[in-house]
PDB file of N, CA and C in Angstrom:
ATOM      1  N   MET A   1     -54.087   1.291  -1.484  1.00  0.00           N
ATOM      2  CA  MET A   1     -55.195   1.720  -0.723  1.00  0.00           C
ATOM      3  C   MET A   1     -56.213   0.596  -0.118  1.00  0.00           C
ATOM      4  N   ALA A   2     -56.596   0.134  -1.032  1.00  0.00           N
ATOM      5  CA  ALA A   2     -57.568  -1.001  -0.855  1.00  0.00           C
ATOM      6  C   ALA A   2     -57.248  -1.777   0.608  1.00  0.00           C
ATOM      7  N   LYS A   3     -55.925  -2.266   0.513  1.00  0.00           N
ATOM      8  CA  LYS A   3     -55.815  -3.436   1.123  1.00  0.00           C
ATOM      9  C   LYS A   3     -54.935  -2.901   2.670  1.00  0.00           C
ATOM     10  N   VAL A   4     -55.431  -1.813   2.899  1.00  0.00           N
ATOM     11  CA  VAL A   4     -54.841  -0.918   3.785  1.00  0.00           C
ATOM     12  C   VAL A   4     -56.591  -0.937   4.492  1.00  0.00           C
ATOM     13  N   ILE A   5     -57.633  -0.444   3.810  1.00  0.00           N
ATOM     14  CA  ILE A   5     -58.646  -0.288   4.377  1.00  0.00           C
ATOM     15  C   ILE A   5     -59.092  -2.142   4.665  1.00  0.00           C
ATOM     16  N   VAL A   6     -58.950  -2.903   4.129  1.00  0.00           N
ATOM     17  CA  VAL A   6     -58.680  -4.001   4.607  1.00  0.00           C
ATOM     18  C   VAL A   6     -58.083  -4.610   5.606  1.00  0.00           C
ATOM     19  N   ASP A   7     -57.114  -4.311   5.901  1.00  0.00           N
ATOM     20  CA  ASP A   7     -55.871  -4.553   6.916  1.00  0.00           C
ATOM     21  C   ASP A   7     -57.051  -4.076   8.394  1.00  0.00           C
ATOM     22  N   ARG A   8     -57.240  -2.785   8.265  1.00  0.00           N
ATOM     23  CA  ARG A   8     -57.775  -2.084   8.946  1.00  0.00           C
ATOM     24  C   ARG A   8     -59.234  -2.426   9.879  1.00  0.00           C
ATOM     25  N   THR A   9     -59.650  -2.799   8.644  1.00  0.00           N
ATOM     26  CA  THR A   9     -61.854  -3.409   8.845  1.00  0.00           C
ATOM     27  C   THR A   9     -62.006  -4.700   9.168  1.00  0.00           C
ATOM     28  N   ILE A  10     -61.433  -5.584   8.179  1.00  0.00           N
ATOM     29  CA  ILE A  10     -61.996  -6.869   8.339  1.00  0.00           C
ATOM     30  C   ILE A  10     -61.226  -7.769   9.479  1.00  0.00           C
ATOM     31  N   PRO A  11     -61.753  -8.564  10.322  1.00  0.00           N
ATOM     32  CA  PRO A  11     -61.411  -9.404  10.559  1.00  0.00           C
ATOM     33  C   PRO A  11     -60.338 -10.610   9.965  1.00  0.00           C
ATOM     34  N   ASP A  12     -59.269 -11.003  11.174  1.00  0.00           N
ATOM     35  CA  ASP A  12     -58.159 -11.750  10.400  1.00  0.00           C
ATOM     36  C   ASP A  12     -58.821 -12.923   9.447  1.00  0.00           C
ATOM     37  N   LEU A  13     -59.730 -13.568  10.258  1.00  0.00           N
ATOM     38  CA  LEU A  13     -60.212 -14.848   9.652  1.00  0.00           C
ATOM     39  C   LEU A  13     -60.761 -14.237   8.247  1.00  0.00           C
ATOM     40  N   GLN A  14     -61.083 -13.208   7.813  1.00  0.00           N
ATOM     41  CA  GLN A  14     -61.591 -13.371   6.075  1.00  0.00           C
ATOM     42  C   GLN A  14     -61.024 -12.570   5.535  1.00  0.00           C
ATOM     43  N   LYS A  15     -59.846 -11.702   6.234  1.00  0.00           N
ATOM     44  CA  LYS A  15     -58.720 -10.957   5.444  1.00  0.00           C
ATOM     45  C   LYS A  15     -58.001 -11.438   4.506  1.00  0.00           C
ATOM     46  N   ALA A  16     -57.705 -12.837   4.360  1.00  0.00           N
ATOM     47  CA  ALA A  16     -57.258 -13.543   3.269  1.00  0.00           C
ATOM     48  C   ALA A  16     -57.982 -13.482   1.924  1.00  0.00           C
ATOM     49  N   GLU A  17     -59.402 -14.008   2.425  1.00  0.00           N
ATOM     50  CA  GLU A  17     -60.570 -13.751   1.265  1.00  0.00           C
ATOM     51  C   GLU A  17     -60.681 -12.510   0.396  1.00  0.00           C
ATOM     52  N   ALA A  18     -60.820 -11.493   1.142  1.00  0.00           N
ATOM     53  CA  ALA A  18     -61.200 -10.265   1.121  1.00  0.00           C
ATOM     54  C   ALA A  18     -60.093  -9.721   0.670  1.00  0.00           C
ATOM     55  N   GLN A  19     -58.859  -9.728   0.456  1.00  0.00           N
ATOM     56  CA  GLN A  19     -57.223  -9.785  -0.682  1.00  0.00           C
ATOM     57  C   GLN A  19     -57.321 -10.205  -1.581  1.00  0.00           C
ATOM     58  N   ALA A  20     -57.958 -11.219  -1.480  1.00  0.00           N
ATOM     59  CA  ALA A  20     -57.829 -12.540  -2.988  1.00  0.00           C
ATOM     60  C   ALA A  20     -58.719 -11.735  -3.993  1.00  0.00           C
ATOM     61  N   GLU A  21     -59.892 -11.154  -3.282  1.00  0.00           N
ATOM     62  CA  GLU A  21     -60.623 -10.572  -4.073  1.00  0.00           C
ATOM     63  C   GLU A  21     -60.463  -9.304  -4.633  1.00  0.00           C
ATOM     64  N   ILE A  22     -59.744  -8.384  -4.047  1.00  0.00           N
ATOM     65  CA  ILE A  22     -58.995  -7.206  -4.067  1.00  0.00           C
ATOM     66  C   ILE A  22     -57.654  -7.525  -4.820  1.00  0.00           C
ATOM     67  N   GLU A  23     -57.081  -8.067  -5.174  1.00  0.00           N
ATOM     68  CA  GLU A  23     -55.947  -8.614  -6.488  1.00  0.00           C
ATOM     69  C   GLU A  23     -56.714  -9.564  -7.681  1.00  0.00           C
ATOM     70  N   GLN A  24     -57.593  -9.949  -7.428  1.00  0.00           N
ATOM     71  CA  GLN A  24     -58.167 -10.113  -8.562  1.00  0.00           C
ATOM     72  C   GLN A  24     -59.226  -9.198  -9.454  1.00  0.00           C
ATOM     73  N   ALA A  25     -59.742  -8.445  -8.465  1.00  0.00           N
ATOM     74  CA  ALA A  25     -60.504  -7.202  -8.934  1.00  0.00           C
ATOM     75  C   ALA A  25     -59.276  -6.369 -10.196  1.00  0.00           C
ATOM     76  N   LEU A  26     -58.180  -5.929  -9.006  1.00  0.00           N
ATOM     77  CA  LEU A  26     -57.210  -5.159  -9.630  1.00  0.00           C
ATOM     78  C   LEU A  26     -56.512  -5.752 -10.796  1.00  0.00           C
ATOM     79  N   THR A  27     -56.577  -7.115 -11.211  1.00  0.00           N
ATOM     80  CA  THR A  27     -55.844  -7.991 -12.406  1.00  0.00           C
ATOM     81  C   THR A  27     -57.037  -7.629 -13.574  1.00  0.00           C
ATOM     82  N   ALA A  28     -58.254  -8.029 -13.491  1.00  0.00           N
ATOM     83  CA  ALA A  28     -59.053  -7.511 -13.856  1.00  0.00           C
ATOM     84  C   ALA A  28     -59.583  -6.206 -14.588  1.00  0.00           C
ATOM     85  N   ARG A  29     -58.754  -5.091 -13.909  1.00  0.00           N
ATOM     86  CA  ARG A  29     -58.735  -3.818 -14.343  1.00  0.00           C
ATOM     87  C   ARG A  29     -57.957  -3.483 -15.211  1.00  0.00           C
ATOM     88  N   GLU A  30     -56.486  -4.217 -14.297  1.00  0.00           N
ATOM     89  CA  GLU A  30     -55.287  -3.364 -15.660  1.00  0.00           C
ATOM     90  C   GLU A  30     -55.535  -4.421 -16.902  1.00  0.00           C
ATOM     91  N   ALA A  31     -56.266  -5.515 -16.945  1.00  0.00           N
ATOM     92  CA  ALA A  31     -55.858  -6.286 -18.325  1.00  0.00           C
ATOM     93  C   ALA A  31     -56.983  -5.782 -19.015  1.00  0.00           C
ATOM     94  N   ALA A  32     -58.225  -4.586 -18.269  1.00  0.00           N
ATOM     95  CA  ALA A  32     -59.019  -3.963 -19.365  1.00  0.00           C
ATOM     96  C   ALA A  32     -58.368  -2.723 -19.818  1.00  0.00           C
ATOM     97  N   ILE A  33     -57.885  -2.193 -18.776  1.00  0.00           N
ATOM     98  CA  ILE A  33     -56.755  -1.158 -19.296  1.00  0.00           C
ATOM     99  C   ILE A  33     -56.003  -1.211 -20.736  1.00  0.00           C
ATOM    100  N   THR A  34     -55.144  -2.505 -20.408  1.00  0.00           N
ATOM    101  CA  THR A  34     -54.290  -2.888 -21.506  1.00  0.00           C
ATOM    102  C   THR A  34     -54.906  -3.230 -22.419  1.00  0.00           C
ATOM    103  N   ALA A  35     -55.983  -3.835 -22.464  1.00  0.00           N
ATOM    104  CA  ALA A  35     -56.764  -4.088 -23.350  1.00  0.00           C
ATOM    105  C   ALA A  35     -57.386  -2.632 -24.285  1.00  0.00           C
ATOM    106  N   ALA A  36     -57.686  -1.679 -23.872  1.00  0.00           N
ATOM    107  CA  ALA A  36     -57.994  -0.539 -24.467  1.00  0.00           C
ATOM    108  C   ALA A  36     -57.244   0.161 -24.843  1.00  0.00           C
ATOM    109  N   LEU A  37     -55.921   0.346 -24.139  1.00  0.00           N
ATOM    110  CA  LEU A  37     -54.585   0.821 -24.740  1.00  0.00           C
ATOM    111  C   LEU A  37     -54.765  -0.117 -25.975  1.00  0.00           C
ATOM    112  N   THR A  38     -54.119  -1.331 -26.170  1.00  0.00           N
ATOM    113  CA  THR A  38     -53.646  -1.846 -27.417  1.00  0.00           C
ATOM    114  C   THR A  38     -54.765  -1.643 -28.855  1.00  0.00           C
ATOM    115  N   GLY A  39     -55.780  -1.575 -27.909  1.00  0.00           N
ATOM    116  CA  GLY A  39     -56.878  -1.548 -29.336  1.00  0.00           C
ATOM    117  C   GLY A  39     -57.153   0.346 -30.019  1.00  0.00           C
ATOM    118  N   GLN A  40     -56.453   1.279 -28.675  1.00  0.00           N
ATOM    119  CA  GLN A  40     -56.590   2.422 -29.324  1.00  0.00           C
ATOM    120  C   GLN A  40     -54.810   2.872 -29.995  1.00  0.00           C
ATOM    121  N   ASN A  41     -54.022   1.873 -29.834  1.00  0.00           N
ATOM    122  CA  ASN A  41     -52.635   1.764 -30.245  1.00  0.00           C
ATOM    123  C   ASN A  41     -52.708   1.156 -31.744  1.00  0.00           C
ATOM    124  N   ALA A  42     -54.020   0.171 -32.216  1.00  0.00           N
ATOM    125  CA  ALA A  42     -54.010  -0.037 -33.516  1.00  0.00           C
ATOM    126  C   ALA A  42     -54.766   0.937 -34.015  1.00  0.00           C
ATOM    127  N   ILE A  43     -55.357   1.524 -33.407  1.00  0.00           N
ATOM    128  CA  ILE A  43     -56.335   2.639 -34.402  1.00  0.00           C
ATOM    129  C   ILE A  43     -55.657   3.707 -34.914  1.00  0.00           C
ATOM    130  N   ASN A  44     -54.370   4.202 -33.462  1.00  0.00           N
ATOM    131  CA  ASN A  44     -53.271   5.179 -33.884  1.00  0.00           C
ATOM    132  C   ASN A  44     -52.593   4.772 -35.326  1.00  0.00           C
ATOM    133  N   LEU A  45     -52.203   3.840 -35.097  1.00  0.00           N
ATOM    134  CA  LEU A  45     -51.166   3.231 -36.552  1.00  0.00           C
ATOM    135  C   LEU A  45     -51.958   3.278 -37.847  1.00  0.00           C
ATOM    136  N   THR A  46     -53.079   3.042 -37.470  1.00  0.00           N
ATOM    137  CA  THR A  46     -53.896   2.896 -38.937  1.00  0.00           C
ATOM    138  C   THR A  46     -54.103   3.930 -39.488  1.00  0.00           C
ATOM    139  N   GLU A  47     -54.325   4.973 -38.285  1.00  0.00           N
ATOM    140  CA  GLU A  47     -54.705   6.315 -38.638  1.00  0.00           C
ATOM    141  C   GLU A  47     -53.295   7.116 -39.399  1.00  0.00           C
ATOM    142  N   ALA A  48     -52.040   6.741 -39.242  1.00  0.00           N
ATOM    143  CA  ALA A  48     -50.963   7.235 -39.191  1.00  0.00           C
ATOM    144  C   ALA A  48     -50.718   6.866 -40.540  1.00  0.00           C
ATOM    145  N   GLN A  49     -50.899   5.753 -40.653  1.00  0.00           N
ATOM    146  CA  GLN A  49     -50.518   4.927 -42.211  1.00  0.00           C
ATOM    147  C   GLN A  49     -51.141   5.318 -43.117  1.00  0.00           C
ATOM    148  N   GLY A  50     -52.495   6.092 -43.247  1.00  0.00           N
ATOM    149  CA  GLY A  50     -53.498   5.982 -44.449  1.00  0.00           C
ATOM    150  C   GLY A  50     -52.869   7.479 -45.039  1.00  0.00           C
ATOM    151  N   ASN A  51     -53.580   7.535 -46.080  1.00  0.00           N
ATOM    152  CA  ASN A  51     -53.105   7.983 -47.183  1.00  0.00           C
ATOM    153  C   ASN A  51     -53.942   9.822 -47.299  1.00  0.00           C
ATOM    154  N   ASP A  52     -55.020   9.414 -46.023  1.00  0.00           N
ATOM    155  CA  ASP A  52     -55.532  11.306 -45.967  1.00  0.00           C
ATOM    156  C   ASP A  52     -55.404  11.704 -45.505  1.00  0.00           C
ATOM    157  N   ARG A  53     -55.032  13.214 -45.944  1.00  0.00           N
ATOM    158  CA  ARG A  53     -54.253  14.222 -45.082  1.00  0.00           C
ATOM    159  C   ARG A  53     -54.824  14.511 -44.158  1.00  0.00           C
ATOM    160  N   PHE A  54     -56.165  14.479 -44.103  1.00  0.00           N
ATOM    161  CA  PHE A  54     -57.086  15.152 -42.564  1.00  0.00           C
ATOM    162  C   PHE A  54     -56.164  14.270 -41.416  1.00  0.00           C
ATOM    163  N   SER A  55     -57.092  12.814 -41.405  1.00  0.00           N
ATOM    164  CA  SER A  55     -56.740  11.830 -40.417  1.00  0.00           C
ATOM    165  C   SER A  55     -55.551  11.508 -39.812  1.00  0.00           C
ATOM    166  N   SER A  56     -54.225  11.709 -41.452  1.00  0.00           N
ATOM    167  CA  SER A  56     -52.907  11.178 -40.761  1.00  0.00           C
ATOM    168  C   SER A  56     -52.169  12.788 -39.889  1.00  0.00           C
ATOM    169  N   ARG A  57     -52.771  13.994 -40.215  1.00  0.00           N
ATOM    170  CA  ARG A  57     -51.927  14.900 -40.027  1.00  0.00           C
ATOM    171  C   ARG A  57     -53.076  16.051 -39.221  1.00  0.00           C
ATOM    172  N   TRP A  58     -54.135  15.408 -38.425  1.00  0.00           N
ATOM    173  CA  TRP A  58     -54.751  16.505 -37.769  1.00  0.00           C
ATOM    174  C   TRP A  58     -54.202  16.676 -36.349  1.00  0.00           C
ATOM    175  N   ARG A  59     -53.502  15.755 -35.408  1.00  0.00           N
ATOM    176  CA  ARG A  59     -52.403  16.321 -34.627  1.00  0.00           C
ATOM    177  C   ARG A  59     -51.724  17.286 -34.446  1.00  0.00           C
ATOM    178  N   SER A  60     -51.054  17.183 -35.719  1.00  0.00           N
ATOM    179  CA  SER A  60     -49.995  18.474 -35.990  1.00  0.00           C
ATOM    180  C   SER A  60     -50.661  19.680 -36.232  1.00  0.00           C
ATOM    181  N   ALA A  61     -51.629  19.499 -36.999  1.00  0.00           N
ATOM    182  CA  ALA A  61     -52.328  21.127 -37.450  1.00  0.00           C
ATOM    183  C   ALA A  61     -52.678  21.744 -36.130  1.00  0.00           C
ATOM    184  N   ALA A  62     -53.285  20.642 -35.105  1.00  0.00           N
ATOM    185  CA  ALA A  62     -54.004  21.288 -33.626  1.00  0.00           C
ATOM    186  C   ALA A  62     -53.002  21.751 -33.254  1.00  0.00           C
ATOM    187  N   GLY A  63     -51.927  21.217 -33.171  1.00  0.00           N
ATOM    188  CA  GLY A  63     -50.393  21.530 -32.734  1.00  0.00           C
ATOM    189  C   GLY A  63     -50.426  23.220 -33.445  1.00  0.00           C
ATOM    190  N   TRP A  64     -50.378  23.390 -34.242  1.00  0.00           N
ATOM    191  CA  TRP A  64     -50.221  24.434 -34.944  1.00  0.00           C
ATOM    192  C   TRP A  64     -51.191  25.729 -34.484  1.00  0.00           C
ATOM    193  N   VAL A  65     -52.432  25.507 -34.410  1.00  0.00           N
ATOM    194  CA  VAL A  65     -53.042  26.142 -34.005  1.00  0.00           C
ATOM    195  C   VAL A  65     -53.211  26.670 -32.439  1.00  0.00           C
ATOM    196  N   CYS A  66     -52.773  25.807 -31.719  1.00  0.00           N
ATOM    197  CA  CYS A  66     -52.195  25.981 -30.554  1.00  0.00           C
ATOM    198  C   CYS A  66     -51.166  27.144 -30.324  1.00  0.00           C
ATOM    199  N   VAL A  67     -49.734  26.670 -31.005  1.00  0.00           N
ATOM    200  CA  VAL A  67     -48.827  27.241 -31.199  1.00  0.00           C
ATOM    201  C   VAL A  67     -49.142  28.818 -31.671  1.00  0.00           C
ATOM    202  N   LEU A  68     -49.959  28.917 -32.920  1.00  0.00           N
ATOM    203  CA  LEU A  68     -50.267  30.308 -33.620  1.00  0.00           C
ATOM    204  C   LEU A  68     -51.089  30.899 -32.776  1.00  0.00           C
ATOM    205  N   GLY A  69     -52.077  30.758 -31.742  1.00  0.00           N
ATOM    206  CA  GLY A  69     -52.927  31.286 -30.689  1.00  0.00           C
ATOM    207  C   GLY A  69     -51.844  31.769 -29.408  1.00  0.00           C
ATOM    208  N   LEU A  70     -50.954  31.037 -29.019  1.00  0.00           N
ATOM    209  CA  LEU A  70     -50.348  31.513 -28.028  1.00  0.00           C
ATOM    210  C   LEU A  70     -49.300  32.573 -27.843  1.00  0.00           C
ATOM    211  N   ALA A  71     -48.308  32.421 -29.652  1.00  0.00           N
ATOM    212  CA  ALA A  71     -47.861  33.600 -29.890  1.00  0.00           C
ATOM    213  C   ALA A  71     -49.090  34.589 -30.132  1.00  0.00           C
ATOM    214  N   TYR A  72     -49.864  34.670 -30.923  1.00  0.00           N
ATOM    215  CA  TYR A  72     -50.930  36.070 -30.983  1.00  0.00           C
ATOM    216  C   TYR A  72     -50.805  36.861 -29.510  1.00  0.00           C
ATOM    217  N   GLN A  73     -51.470  35.455 -28.587  1.00  0.00           N
ATOM    218  CA  GLN A  73     -51.639  35.991 -27.270  1.00  0.00           C
ATOM    219  C   GLN A  73     -50.685  36.790 -26.604  1.00  0.00           C
ATOM    220  N   TYR A  74     -49.798  36.200 -26.827  1.00  0.00           N
ATOM    221  CA  TYR A  74     -48.240  36.531 -25.857  1.00  0.00           C
ATOM    222  C   TYR A  74     -47.271  37.036 -26.065  1.00  0.00           C
ATOM    223  N   VAL A  75     -47.185  37.893 -27.864  1.00  0.00           N
ATOM    224  CA  VAL A  75     -46.267  38.376 -28.651  1.00  0.00           C
ATOM    225  C   VAL A  75     -46.675  39.720 -29.394  1.00  0.00           C
ATOM    226  N   PHE A  76     -47.496  38.790 -30.344  1.00  0.00           N
ATOM    227  CA  PHE A  76     -48.085  39.476 -31.359  1.00  0.00           C
ATOM    228  C   PHE A  76     -49.160  40.970 -30.886  1.00  0.00           C
ATOM    229  N   ALA A  77     -49.978  40.339 -30.154  1.00  0.00           N
ATOM    230  CA  ALA A  77     -50.862  41.202 -29.085  1.00  0.00           C
ATOM    231  C   ALA A  77     -50.330  42.934 -28.207  1.00  0.00           C
ATOM    232  N   GLN A  78     -49.197  42.232 -28.255  1.00  0.00           N
ATOM    233  CA  GLN A  78     -48.399  42.893 -26.805  1.00  0.00           C
ATOM    234  C   GLN A  78     -47.978  43.817 -27.888  1.00  0.00           C
ATOM    235  N   ILE A  79     -46.995  43.366 -28.889  1.00  0.00           N
ATOM    236  CA  ILE A  79     -46.385  44.372 -29.759  1.00  0.00           C
ATOM    237  C   ILE A  79     -47.505  45.337 -30.761  1.00  0.00           C
ATOM    238  N   VAL A  80     -49.033  44.832 -31.292  1.00  0.00           N
ATOM    239  CA  VAL A  80     -49.778  45.938 -31.712  1.00  0.00           C
ATOM    240  C   VAL A  80     -50.513  46.672 -30.988  1.00  0.00           C
ATOM    241  N   THR A  81     -50.283  46.086 -29.664  1.00  0.00           N
ATOM    242  CA  THR A  81     -50.743  47.071 -28.682  1.00  0.00           C
ATOM    243  C   THR A  81     -50.017  48.473 -27.908  1.00  0.00           C
ATOM    244  N   TRP A  82     -48.656  48.123 -28.234  1.00  0.00           N
ATOM    245  CA  TRP A  82     -47.461  49.038 -28.068  1.00  0.00           C
ATOM    246  C   TRP A  82     -47.446  49.743 -28.997  1.00  0.00           C
ATOM    247  N   ALA A  83     -47.527  49.064 -30.227  1.00  0.00           N
ATOM    248  CA  ALA A  83     -47.655  50.607 -31.352  1.00  0.00           C
ATOM    249  C   ALA A  83     -48.487  51.092 -31.641  1.00  0.00           C
ATOM    250  N   GLY A  84     -49.688  50.353 -31.514  1.00  0.00           N
ATOM    251  CA  GLY A  84     -51.067  51.363 -31.049  1.00  0.00           C
ATOM    252  C   GLY A  84     -50.795  52.489 -30.580  1.00  0.00           C
ATOM    253  N   ALA A  85     -50.567  52.519 -29.195  1.00  0.00           N
ATOM    254  CA  ALA A  85     -50.229  53.740 -28.518  1.00  0.00           C
ATOM    255  C   ALA A  85     -48.790  54.462 -28.576  1.00  0.00           C
ATOM    256  N   LEU A  86     -48.117  54.030 -29.334  1.00  0.00           N
ATOM    257  CA  LEU A  86     -47.203  54.718 -30.129  1.00  0.00           C
ATOM    258  C   LEU A  86     -47.278  55.215 -31.068  1.00  0.00           C
ATOM    259  N   VAL A  87     -47.958  54.825 -31.939  1.00  0.00           N
ATOM    260  CA  VAL A  87     -48.416  55.647 -32.889  1.00  0.00           C
ATOM    261  C   VAL A  87     -49.918  56.752 -32.428  1.00  0.00           C
ATOM    262  N   GLY A  88     -50.744  56.472 -31.664  1.00  0.00           N
ATOM    263  CA  GLY A  88     -51.122  57.483 -31.118  1.00  0.00           C
ATOM    264  C   GLY A  88     -51.064  58.442 -30.221  1.00  0.00           C
ATOM    265  N   THR A  89     -49.509  58.078 -29.554  1.00  0.00           N
ATOM    266  CA  THR A  89     -49.094  59.372 -29.158  1.00  0.00           C
ATOM    267  C   THR A  89     -48.459  60.529 -30.094  1.00  0.00           C
ATOM    268  N   VAL A  90     -48.156  59.758 -30.905  1.00  0.00           N
ATOM    269  CA  VAL A  90     -47.307  60.503 -31.782  1.00  0.00           C
ATOM    270  C   VAL A  90     -48.025  62.066 -32.766  1.00  0.00           C
ATOM    271  N   LEU A  91     -49.775  61.016 -32.579  1.00  0.00           N
ATOM    272  CA  LEU A  91     -50.486  61.893 -33.552  1.00  0.00           C
ATOM    273  C   LEU A  91     -51.125  62.770 -32.847  1.00  0.00           C
ATOM    274  N   GLY A  92     -50.918  62.671 -31.758  1.00  0.00           N
ATOM    275  CA  GLY A  92     -51.678  63.453 -30.555  1.00  0.00           C
ATOM    276  C   GLY A  92     -53.054  62.592 -29.704  1.00  0.00           C
ATOM    277  N   PHE A  93     -53.075  61.830 -30.106  1.00  0.00           N
ATOM    278  CA  PHE A  93     -54.667  61.369 -29.260  1.00  0.00           C
ATOM    279  C   PHE A  93     -54.198  60.783 -27.762  1.00  0.00           C
ATOM    280  N   PRO A  94     -54.916  60.962 -27.279  1.00  0.00           N
ATOM    281  CA  PRO A  94     -54.639  60.556 -25.851  1.00  0.00           C
ATOM    282  C   PRO A  94     -55.017  59.098 -25.669  1.00  0.00           C
ATOM    283  N   SER A  95     -54.033  58.389 -24.878  1.00  0.00           N
ATOM    284  CA  SER A  95     -54.289  56.772 -24.632  1.00  0.00           C
ATOM    285  C   SER A  95     -55.582  56.555 -24.019  1.00  0.00           C
ATOM    286  N   ARG A  96     -55.870  56.864 -23.242  1.00  0.00           N
ATOM    287  CA  ARG A  96     -57.198  56.621 -22.643  1.00  0.00           C
ATOM    288  C   ARG A  96     -57.984  58.144 -22.063  1.00  0.00           C
ATOM    289  N   ARG A  97     -59.359  57.909 -22.010  1.00  0.00           N
ATOM    290  CA  ARG A  97     -59.882  59.388 -21.565  1.00  0.00           C
ATOM    291  C   ARG A  97     -59.969  59.929 -20.260  1.00  0.00           C
ATOM    292  N   ARG A  98     -59.880  60.842 -20.066  1.00  0.00           N
ATOM    293  CA  ARG A  98     -59.944  61.466 -18.594  1.00  0.00           C
ATOM    294  C   ARG A  98     -61.190  61.576 -18.301  1.00  0.00           C
ATOM    295  N   PRO A  99     -61.613  61.104 -17.166  1.00  0.00           N
ATOM    296  CA  PRO A  99     -63.296  61.261 -16.436  1.00  0.00           C
ATOM    297  C   PRO A  99     -63.644  62.690 -16.212  1.00  0.00           C
ATOM    298  N   ARG A 100     -65.274  62.952 -16.699  1.00  0.00           N
ATOM    299  CA  ARG A 100     -65.463  64.353 -16.342  1.00  0.00           C
ATOM    300  C   ARG A 100     -66.129  64.273 -14.991  1.00  0.00           C
ATOM    301  N   TRP A 101     -65.456  65.104 -14.366  1.00  0.00           N
ATOM    302  CA  TRP A 101     -66.350  65.091 -12.995  1.00  0.00           C
ATOM    303  C   TRP A 101     -67.278  66.698 -12.930  1.00  0.00           C
TER     304      TRP A 101
END
């Protein structure tokens, strides 16, 4: 994207210099991203090899919490609502109130 902008806006004499600056900035950015990812990978490896149950298994615990929340929302809550309406109908309770006009 930056190369296209340079091609369209900068005269031919300065184009090579501007493109070299863009290449240098992109290379520096990629190096910074690589360094950050390498550091994060080292942290993740250290946490995974530790004996502390919380730090090594917190991702799986968070995953189970999400799975249980989704299962409740989309399966169990629907069954409980249906069963409550069924029991209410059998016992003679109206399922919703009628407005008094």
